[in-house]
Amino acid sequence: MNVTEKKQYCLSDDASGFVNLAEMIPDIIPEIRYYTSYNFIGERIHGYEEPIALMTKEAAAALKNVSDQLMKQGYRLKVWDAYRPQSAVDHFVSWAEAAEDIRMKEYFYPDQDKSGLFAKGFIAAHSGHSRGSTADLTLFDMRTGREADMGGPFDWFGELSHSDCTDIAPEQYQNRMILQTAMTEGGFMPLKEEWWHFTLKDEPFPDTYFTFPVSAASLKKG
């Protein structure tokens, strides 16, 4: 393990407290956007070496309980992102500073000036995802065989993504509330600005930001 202090942040490459969500929750559907080029940057993000979702053991166990409850209601969970290495966050920051790179603007932030993403909190130097107990996810409706309609896409930069946004259809809002209720009852805290974002309330590493890449090999080393 290599742990260093950087200002008030503790950085660690120890993956021993993490698991692969697909192994912990067989019903979950991984669609790891940052492993692909379909994300707000437009290329694979640094640190995503495999299209898998990693999470702390405690958060994964809590999410398993949420998944089991939602299965009874006819839903599976689809996860877009979970643990996010610090190198990925650094990639976000360097992209945000490159004013000329707006290749994915029309898909993710058409109404936002890229220069204001830091000030509005869309991009930050450190992310709760890097602590390993946060997930970005949605509902997959087993009755229709499709994602539930949430009234707005993942990683959309704008008020449409706010969990309490009412400028959507009643059914779309209801779907957001089904997800939010299941997650909060399962011990997760929602993020007002992103309907898909939830963090384990009692996260095991509240002050540690991890640096190991997203890969099965990281878990073996841990």
C-alpha atoms as a PDB file:
ATOM      1  CA  MET A   1       0.000   0.000   0.000  1.00  0.00           C
ATOM      2  CA  ASN A   2       1.168   3.480  -0.841  1.00  0.00           C
ATOM      3  CA  VAL A   3      -0.542   6.204   1.167  1.00  0.00           C
ATOM      4  CA  THR A   4       0.395   9.861   0.949  1.00  0.00           C
ATOM      5  CA  GLU A   5      -0.999  13.057   2.388  1.00  0.00           C
ATOM      6  CA  LYS A   6      -1.957  15.761  -0.105  1.00  0.00           C
ATOM      7  CA  LYS A   7      -3.336  18.799   1.678  1.00  0.00           C
ATOM      8  CA  GLN A   8      -6.333  17.455   3.616  1.00  0.00           C
ATOM      9  CA  TYR A   9      -6.774  14.460   1.319  1.00  0.00           C
ATOM     10  CA  CYS A  10      -5.414  10.987   1.988  1.00  0.00           C
ATOM     11  CA  LEU A  11      -4.520   9.102  -1.194  1.00  0.00           C
ATOM     12  CA  SER A  12      -4.268   5.304  -1.249  1.00  0.00           C
ATOM     13  CA  ASP A  13      -3.728   2.542  -3.813  1.00  0.00           C
ATOM     14  CA  ASP A  14      -4.948  -0.227  -1.481  1.00  0.00           C
ATOM     15  CA  ALA A  15      -7.902  -2.051  -3.101  1.00  0.00           C
ATOM     16  CA  SER A  16      -8.292  -4.670  -0.371  1.00  0.00           C
ATOM     17  CA  GLY A  17     -11.590  -3.164   0.809  1.00  0.00           C
ATOM     18  CA  PHE A  18     -13.228  -3.305  -2.635  1.00  0.00           C
ATOM     19  CA  VAL A  19     -15.262  -5.829  -4.633  1.00  0.00           C
ATOM     20  CA  ASN A  20     -16.597  -6.219  -8.171  1.00  0.00           C
ATOM     21  CA  LEU A  21     -20.278  -5.252  -8.099  1.00  0.00           C
ATOM     22  CA  ALA A  22     -21.220  -7.827 -10.745  1.00  0.00           C
ATOM     23  CA  GLU A  23     -19.881 -10.598  -8.527  1.00  0.00           C
ATOM     24  CA  MET A  24     -21.581  -9.223  -5.416  1.00  0.00           C
ATOM     25  CA  ILE A  25     -24.861  -8.428  -7.207  1.00  0.00           C
ATOM     26  CA  PRO A  26     -25.457 -10.852 -10.114  1.00  0.00           C
ATOM     27  CA  ASP A  27     -28.634  -8.996 -11.137  1.00  0.00           C
ATOM     28  CA  ILE A  28     -26.907  -5.644 -11.690  1.00  0.00           C
ATOM     29  CA  ILE A  29     -26.300  -4.418 -15.249  1.00  0.00           C
ATOM     30  CA  PRO A  30     -22.915  -2.700 -15.724  1.00  0.00           C
ATOM     31  CA  GLU A  31     -22.731  -0.080 -18.475  1.00  0.00           C
ATOM     32  CA  ILE A  32     -19.506   1.688 -17.603  1.00  0.00           C
ATOM     33  CA  ARG A  33     -19.674   4.875 -19.627  1.00  0.00           C
ATOM     34  CA  TYR A  34     -16.186   6.115 -18.748  1.00  0.00           C
ATOM     35  CA  TYR A  35     -14.672   2.983 -20.272  1.00  0.00           C
ATOM     36  CA  THR A  36     -16.228   4.065 -23.581  1.00  0.00           C
ATOM     37  CA  SER A  37     -16.068   7.210 -25.686  1.00  0.00           C
ATOM     38  CA  TYR A  38     -19.750   7.971 -25.054  1.00  0.00           C
ATOM     39  CA  ASN A  39     -19.325  10.381 -22.172  1.00  0.00           C
ATOM     40  CA  PHE A  40     -19.068  14.151 -21.768  1.00  0.00           C
ATOM     41  CA  ILE A  41     -15.378  14.148 -22.749  1.00  0.00           C
ATOM     42  CA  GLY A  42     -15.692  11.866 -25.775  1.00  0.00           C
ATOM     43  CA  GLU A  43     -12.925   9.345 -25.071  1.00  0.00           C
ATOM     44  CA  ARG A  44     -12.104   6.589 -22.597  1.00  0.00           C
ATOM     45  CA  ILE A  45     -11.292   8.123 -19.242  1.00  0.00           C
ATOM     46  CA  HIS A  46      -7.902   7.562 -17.613  1.00  0.00           C
ATOM     47  CA  GLY A  47      -7.894   4.742 -15.080  1.00  0.00           C
ATOM     48  CA  TYR A  48     -10.750   2.731 -16.577  1.00  0.00           C
ATOM     49  CA  GLU A  49      -8.907  -0.374 -17.741  1.00  0.00           C
ATOM     50  CA  GLU A  50     -11.941  -2.696 -17.791  1.00  0.00           C
ATOM     51  CA  PRO A  51     -15.716  -2.124 -18.119  1.00  0.00           C
ATOM     52  CA  ILE A  52     -16.455  -3.201 -14.552  1.00  0.00           C
ATOM     53  CA  ALA A  53     -17.863  -1.451 -11.482  1.00  0.00           C
ATOM     54  CA  LEU A  54     -15.881  -1.588  -8.252  1.00  0.00           C
ATOM     55  CA  MET A  55     -17.150  -0.510  -4.854  1.00  0.00           C
ATOM     56  CA  THR A  56     -16.261  -0.845  -1.186  1.00  0.00           C
ATOM     57  CA  LYS A  57     -17.483  -4.062   0.401  1.00  0.00           C
ATOM     58  CA  GLU A  58     -19.799  -2.149   2.717  1.00  0.00           C
ATOM     59  CA  ALA A  59     -21.415  -0.126  -0.068  1.00  0.00           C
ATOM     60  CA  ALA A  60     -21.746  -3.190  -2.285  1.00  0.00           C
ATOM     61  CA  ALA A  61     -23.491  -5.131   0.496  1.00  0.00           C
ATOM     62  CA  ALA A  62     -25.941  -2.262   1.032  1.00  0.00           C
ATOM     63  CA  LEU A  63     -26.544  -1.999  -2.717  1.00  0.00           C
ATOM     64  CA  LYS A  64     -27.223  -5.741  -2.860  1.00  0.00           C
ATOM     65  CA  ASN A  65     -30.073  -5.245  -0.391  1.00  0.00           C
ATOM     66  CA  VAL A  66     -31.437  -2.386  -2.523  1.00  0.00           C
ATOM     67  CA  SER A  67     -31.229  -4.553  -5.631  1.00  0.00           C
ATOM     68  CA  ASP A  68     -33.094  -7.389  -3.925  1.00  0.00           C
ATOM     69  CA  GLN A  69     -35.908  -5.042  -2.916  1.00  0.00           C
ATOM     70  CA  LEU A  70     -36.190  -3.490  -6.380  1.00  0.00           C
ATOM     71  CA  MET A  71     -36.271  -6.934  -7.988  1.00  0.00           C
ATOM     72  CA  LYS A  72     -39.480  -7.585  -6.051  1.00  0.00           C
ATOM     73  CA  GLN A  73     -40.908  -4.454  -7.694  1.00  0.00           C
ATOM     74  CA  GLY A  74     -39.895  -5.564 -11.177  1.00  0.00           C
ATOM     75  CA  TYR A  75     -36.661  -3.589 -11.561  1.00  0.00           C
ATOM     76  CA  ARG A  76     -32.973  -4.312 -11.909  1.00  0.00           C
ATOM     77  CA  LEU A  77     -30.232  -1.768 -11.269  1.00  0.00           C
ATOM     78  CA  LYS A  78     -28.056  -0.513 -14.114  1.00  0.00           C
ATOM     79  CA  VAL A  79     -24.795   1.084 -13.004  1.00  0.00           C
ATOM     80  CA  TRP A  80     -22.924   3.672 -15.088  1.00  0.00           C
ATOM     81  CA  ASP A  81     -20.134   4.394 -12.634  1.00  0.00           C
ATOM     82  CA  ALA A  82     -19.055   3.445  -9.125  1.00  0.00           C
ATOM     83  CA  TYR A  83     -15.472   3.730  -7.854  1.00  0.00           C
ATOM     84  CA  ARG A  84     -13.629   6.379  -9.878  1.00  0.00           C
ATOM     85  CA  PRO A  85      -9.821   6.543  -9.576  1.00  0.00           C
ATOM     86  CA  GLN A  86      -8.165   9.880  -8.900  1.00  0.00           C
ATOM     87  CA  SER A  87      -6.512   9.696 -12.330  1.00  0.00           C
ATOM     88  CA  ALA A  88      -9.989   9.855 -13.886  1.00  0.00           C
ATOM     89  CA  VAL A  89     -10.868  12.922 -11.840  1.00  0.00           C
ATOM     90  CA  ASP A  90      -7.588  14.514 -12.939  1.00  0.00           C
ATOM     91  CA  HIS A  91      -8.594  13.746 -16.540  1.00  0.00           C
ATOM     92  CA  PHE A  92     -11.888  15.581 -15.973  1.00  0.00           C
ATOM     93  CA  VAL A  93     -10.020  18.587 -14.591  1.00  0.00           C
ATOM     94  CA  SER A  94      -7.543  18.787 -17.481  1.00  0.00           C
ATOM     95  CA  TRP A  95     -10.421  18.499 -19.961  1.00  0.00           C
ATOM     96  CA  ALA A  96     -12.332  21.286 -18.225  1.00  0.00           C
ATOM     97  CA  GLU A  97      -9.293  23.530 -18.561  1.00  0.00           C
ATOM     98  CA  ALA A  98      -9.048  22.862 -22.324  1.00  0.00           C
ATOM     99  CA  ALA A  99     -11.567  25.445 -23.524  1.00  0.00           C
ATOM    100  CA  GLU A 100     -11.299  24.385 -27.167  1.00  0.00           C
ATOM    101  CA  ASP A 101     -12.423  20.786 -26.562  1.00  0.00           C
ATOM    102  CA  ILE A 102     -16.218  20.884 -26.880  1.00  0.00           C
ATOM    103  CA  ARG A 103     -16.742  17.797 -29.065  1.00  0.00           C
ATOM    104  CA  MET A 104     -19.508  16.386 -26.820  1.00  0.00           C
ATOM    105  CA  LYS A 105     -21.186  19.687 -25.952  1.00  0.00           C
ATOM    106  CA  GLU A 106     -24.389  19.036 -27.896  1.00  0.00           C
ATOM    107  CA  TYR A 107     -24.914  15.710 -26.120  1.00  0.00           C
ATOM    108  CA  PHE A 108     -24.168  16.614 -22.500  1.00  0.00           C
ATOM    109  CA  TYR A 109     -23.954  20.376 -21.908  1.00  0.00           C
ATOM    110  CA  PRO A 110     -25.541  22.308 -24.811  1.00  0.00           C
ATOM    111  CA  ASP A 111     -26.788  25.073 -22.510  1.00  0.00           C
ATOM    112  CA  GLN A 112     -23.614  25.415 -20.452  1.00  0.00           C
ATOM    113  CA  ASP A 113     -20.494  27.475 -21.050  1.00  0.00           C
ATOM    114  CA  LYS A 114     -17.618  25.082 -20.465  1.00  0.00           C
ATOM    115  CA  SER A 115     -15.647  27.784 -18.661  1.00  0.00           C
ATOM    116  CA  GLY A 116     -18.251  27.790 -15.887  1.00  0.00           C
ATOM    117  CA  LEU A 117     -18.264  24.066 -15.116  1.00  0.00           C
ATOM    118  CA  PHE A 118     -15.896  24.462 -12.152  1.00  0.00           C
ATOM    119  CA  ALA A 119     -17.841  27.337 -10.603  1.00  0.00           C
ATOM    120  CA  LYS A 120     -21.134  25.476 -10.908  1.00  0.00           C
ATOM    121  CA  GLY A 121     -19.732  22.343  -9.312  1.00  0.00           C
ATOM    122  CA  PHE A 122     -19.983  20.050 -12.322  1.00  0.00           C
ATOM    123  CA  ILE A 123     -16.214  19.434 -12.229  1.00  0.00           C
ATOM    124  CA  ALA A 124     -14.065  19.296  -9.084  1.00  0.00           C
ATOM    125  CA  ALA A 125     -10.503  18.306  -8.193  1.00  0.00           C
ATOM    126  CA  HIS A 126     -11.753  15.514  -5.926  1.00  0.00           C
ATOM    127  CA  SER A 127     -14.839  13.314  -6.239  1.00  0.00           C
ATOM    128  CA  GLY A 128     -16.778  11.277  -3.705  1.00  0.00           C
ATOM    129  CA  HIS A 129     -16.635   8.460  -6.247  1.00  0.00           C
ATOM    130  CA  SER A 130     -12.931   8.123  -5.494  1.00  0.00           C
ATOM    131  CA  ARG A 131     -13.752   7.163  -1.910  1.00  0.00           C
ATOM    132  CA  GLY A 132     -15.397   4.032  -3.294  1.00  0.00           C
ATOM    133  CA  SER A 133     -18.906   4.184  -1.824  1.00  0.00           C
ATOM    134  CA  THR A 134     -20.723   6.230  -4.463  1.00  0.00           C
ATOM    135  CA  ALA A 135     -22.577   4.915  -7.508  1.00  0.00           C
ATOM    136  CA  ASP A 136     -24.292   6.430 -10.540  1.00  0.00           C
ATOM    137  CA  LEU A 137     -27.210   4.238 -11.519  1.00  0.00           C
ATOM    138  CA  THR A 138     -30.722   3.902 -12.863  1.00  0.00           C
ATOM    139  CA  LEU A 139     -33.610   1.456 -13.048  1.00  0.00           C
ATOM    140  CA  PHE A 140     -34.020  -1.240 -15.682  1.00  0.00           C
ATOM    141  CA  ASP A 141     -37.696  -2.157 -16.059  1.00  0.00           C
ATOM    142  CA  MET A 142     -37.976  -5.931 -16.452  1.00  0.00           C
ATOM    143  CA  ARG A 143     -41.542  -5.604 -17.755  1.00  0.00           C
ATOM    144  CA  THR A 144     -40.529  -3.526 -20.760  1.00  0.00           C
ATOM    145  CA  GLY A 145     -36.948  -4.760 -21.141  1.00  0.00           C
ATOM    146  CA  ARG A 146     -35.692  -1.156 -21.168  1.00  0.00           C
ATOM    147  CA  GLU A 147     -34.348   1.488 -18.844  1.00  0.00           C
ATOM    148  CA  ALA A 148     -37.028   3.314 -16.912  1.00  0.00           C
ATOM    149  CA  ASP A 149     -37.683   6.783 -18.341  1.00  0.00           C
ATOM    150  CA  MET A 150     -36.111   9.265 -15.938  1.00  0.00           C
ATOM    151  CA  GLY A 151     -36.820  12.363 -18.015  1.00  0.00           C
ATOM    152  CA  GLY A 152     -33.158  13.174 -18.574  1.00  0.00           C
ATOM    153  CA  PRO A 153     -29.932  11.365 -19.466  1.00  0.00           C
ATOM    154  CA  PHE A 154     -26.981  10.430 -17.287  1.00  0.00           C
ATOM    155  CA  ASP A 155     -24.315  13.137 -16.935  1.00  0.00           C
ATOM    156  CA  TRP A 156     -26.481  15.903 -18.354  1.00  0.00           C
ATOM    157  CA  PHE A 157     -25.087  19.199 -17.057  1.00  0.00           C
ATOM    158  CA  GLY A 158     -28.103  21.251 -16.090  1.00  0.00           C
ATOM    159  CA  GLU A 159     -31.173  21.647 -13.891  1.00  0.00           C
ATOM    160  CA  LEU A 160     -32.976  18.839 -15.726  1.00  0.00           C
ATOM    161  CA  SER A 161     -30.692  16.479 -13.791  1.00  0.00           C
ATOM    162  CA  HIS A 162     -31.768  17.768 -10.376  1.00  0.00           C
ATOM    163  CA  SER A 163     -33.524  15.018  -8.458  1.00  0.00           C
ATOM    164  CA  ASP A 164     -36.405  17.340  -7.548  1.00  0.00           C
ATOM    165  CA  CYS A 165     -36.876  18.708 -11.068  1.00  0.00           C
ATOM    166  CA  THR A 166     -40.597  18.946 -11.855  1.00  0.00           C
ATOM    167  CA  ASP A 167     -40.167  20.041 -15.475  1.00  0.00           C
ATOM    168  CA  ILE A 168     -40.645  16.418 -16.557  1.00  0.00           C
ATOM    169  CA  ALA A 169     -43.613  14.101 -17.014  1.00  0.00           C
ATOM    170  CA  PRO A 170     -45.275  12.711 -13.851  1.00  0.00           C
ATOM    171  CA  GLU A 171     -44.256   9.158 -14.774  1.00  0.00           C
ATOM    172  CA  GLN A 172     -40.644  10.238 -15.204  1.00  0.00           C
ATOM    173  CA  TYR A 173     -40.649  11.947 -11.817  1.00  0.00           C
ATOM    174  CA  GLN A 174     -42.245   8.870 -10.261  1.00  0.00           C
ATOM    175  CA  ASN A 175     -39.453   6.696 -11.661  1.00  0.00           C
ATOM    176  CA  ARG A 176     -36.863   8.988 -10.091  1.00  0.00           C
ATOM    177  CA  MET A 177     -38.653   8.708  -6.772  1.00  0.00           C
ATOM    178  CA  ILE A 178     -38.821   4.890  -6.960  1.00  0.00           C
ATOM    179  CA  LEU A 179     -35.037   4.842  -7.341  1.00  0.00           C
ATOM    180  CA  GLN A 180     -34.421   7.511  -4.713  1.00  0.00           C
ATOM    181  CA  THR A 181     -36.737   5.891  -2.162  1.00  0.00           C
ATOM    182  CA  ALA A 182     -35.128   2.475  -2.599  1.00  0.00           C
ATOM    183  CA  MET A 183     -31.645   3.927  -2.285  1.00  0.00           C
ATOM    184  CA  THR A 184     -32.325   6.116   0.743  1.00  0.00           C
ATOM    185  CA  GLU A 185     -34.122   3.308   2.544  1.00  0.00           C
ATOM    186  CA  GLY A 186     -31.083   1.164   1.766  1.00  0.00           C
ATOM    187  CA  GLY A 187     -28.713   3.549   3.536  1.00  0.00           C
ATOM    188  CA  PHE A 188     -27.602   5.819   0.670  1.00  0.00           C
ATOM    189  CA  MET A 189     -27.737   9.600   0.423  1.00  0.00           C
ATOM    190  CA  PRO A 190     -28.926  11.235  -2.817  1.00  0.00           C
ATOM    191  CA  LEU A 191     -27.293  14.217  -4.486  1.00  0.00           C
ATOM    192  CA  LYS A 192     -29.757  16.987  -5.268  1.00  0.00           C
ATOM    193  CA  GLU A 193     -28.001  18.000  -8.491  1.00  0.00           C
ATOM    194  CA  GLU A 194     -27.886  14.479 -10.011  1.00  0.00           C
ATOM    195  CA  TRP A 195     -30.849  12.103  -9.831  1.00  0.00           C
ATOM    196  CA  TRP A 196     -28.545   9.124 -10.549  1.00  0.00           C
ATOM    197  CA  HIS A 197     -25.910   9.790  -7.841  1.00  0.00           C
ATOM    198  CA  PHE A 198     -25.962   8.098  -4.404  1.00  0.00           C
ATOM    199  CA  THR A 199     -23.391   7.747  -1.605  1.00  0.00           C
ATOM    200  CA  LEU A 200     -23.453   5.278   1.283  1.00  0.00           C
ATOM    201  CA  LYS A 201     -24.308   7.269   4.408  1.00  0.00           C
ATOM    202  CA  ASP A 202     -21.815   5.380   6.573  1.00  0.00           C
ATOM    203  CA  GLU A 203     -19.048   5.108   4.012  1.00  0.00           C
ATOM    204  CA  PRO A 204     -15.973   3.260   5.345  1.00  0.00           C
ATOM    205  CA  PHE A 205     -13.358   5.640   3.874  1.00  0.00           C
ATOM    206  CA  PRO A 206     -14.768   9.153   4.299  1.00  0.00           C
ATOM    207  CA  ASP A 207     -11.353  10.840   4.081  1.00  0.00           C
ATOM    208  CA  THR A 208      -9.493   8.583   1.625  1.00  0.00           C
ATOM    209  CA  TYR A 209      -9.341   8.991  -2.153  1.00  0.00           C
ATOM    210  CA  PHE A 210      -8.132   5.902  -4.003  1.00  0.00           C
ATOM    211  CA  THR A 211      -5.802   5.794  -6.982  1.00  0.00           C
ATOM    212  CA  PHE A 212      -5.778   2.188  -8.253  1.00  0.00           C
ATOM    213  CA  PRO A 213      -7.239   1.618 -11.742  1.00  0.00           C
ATOM    214  CA  VAL A 214     -10.642   0.079 -12.425  1.00  0.00           C
ATOM    215  CA  SER A 215      -9.663  -3.514 -13.209  1.00  0.00           C
ATOM    216  CA  ALA A 216      -9.956  -7.026 -11.841  1.00  0.00           C
ATOM    217  CA  ALA A 217      -6.176  -7.027 -11.432  1.00  0.00           C
ATOM    218  CA  SER A 218      -6.456  -4.202  -8.879  1.00  0.00           C
ATOM    219  CA  LEU A 219      -8.636  -6.388  -6.666  1.00  0.00           C
ATOM    220  CA  LYS A 220      -6.158  -9.268  -6.872  1.00  0.00           C
ATOM    221  CA  LYS A 221      -3.320  -6.980  -5.805  1.00  0.00           C
ATOM    222  CA  GLY A 222      -5.429  -5.661  -2.960  1.00  0.00           C
END
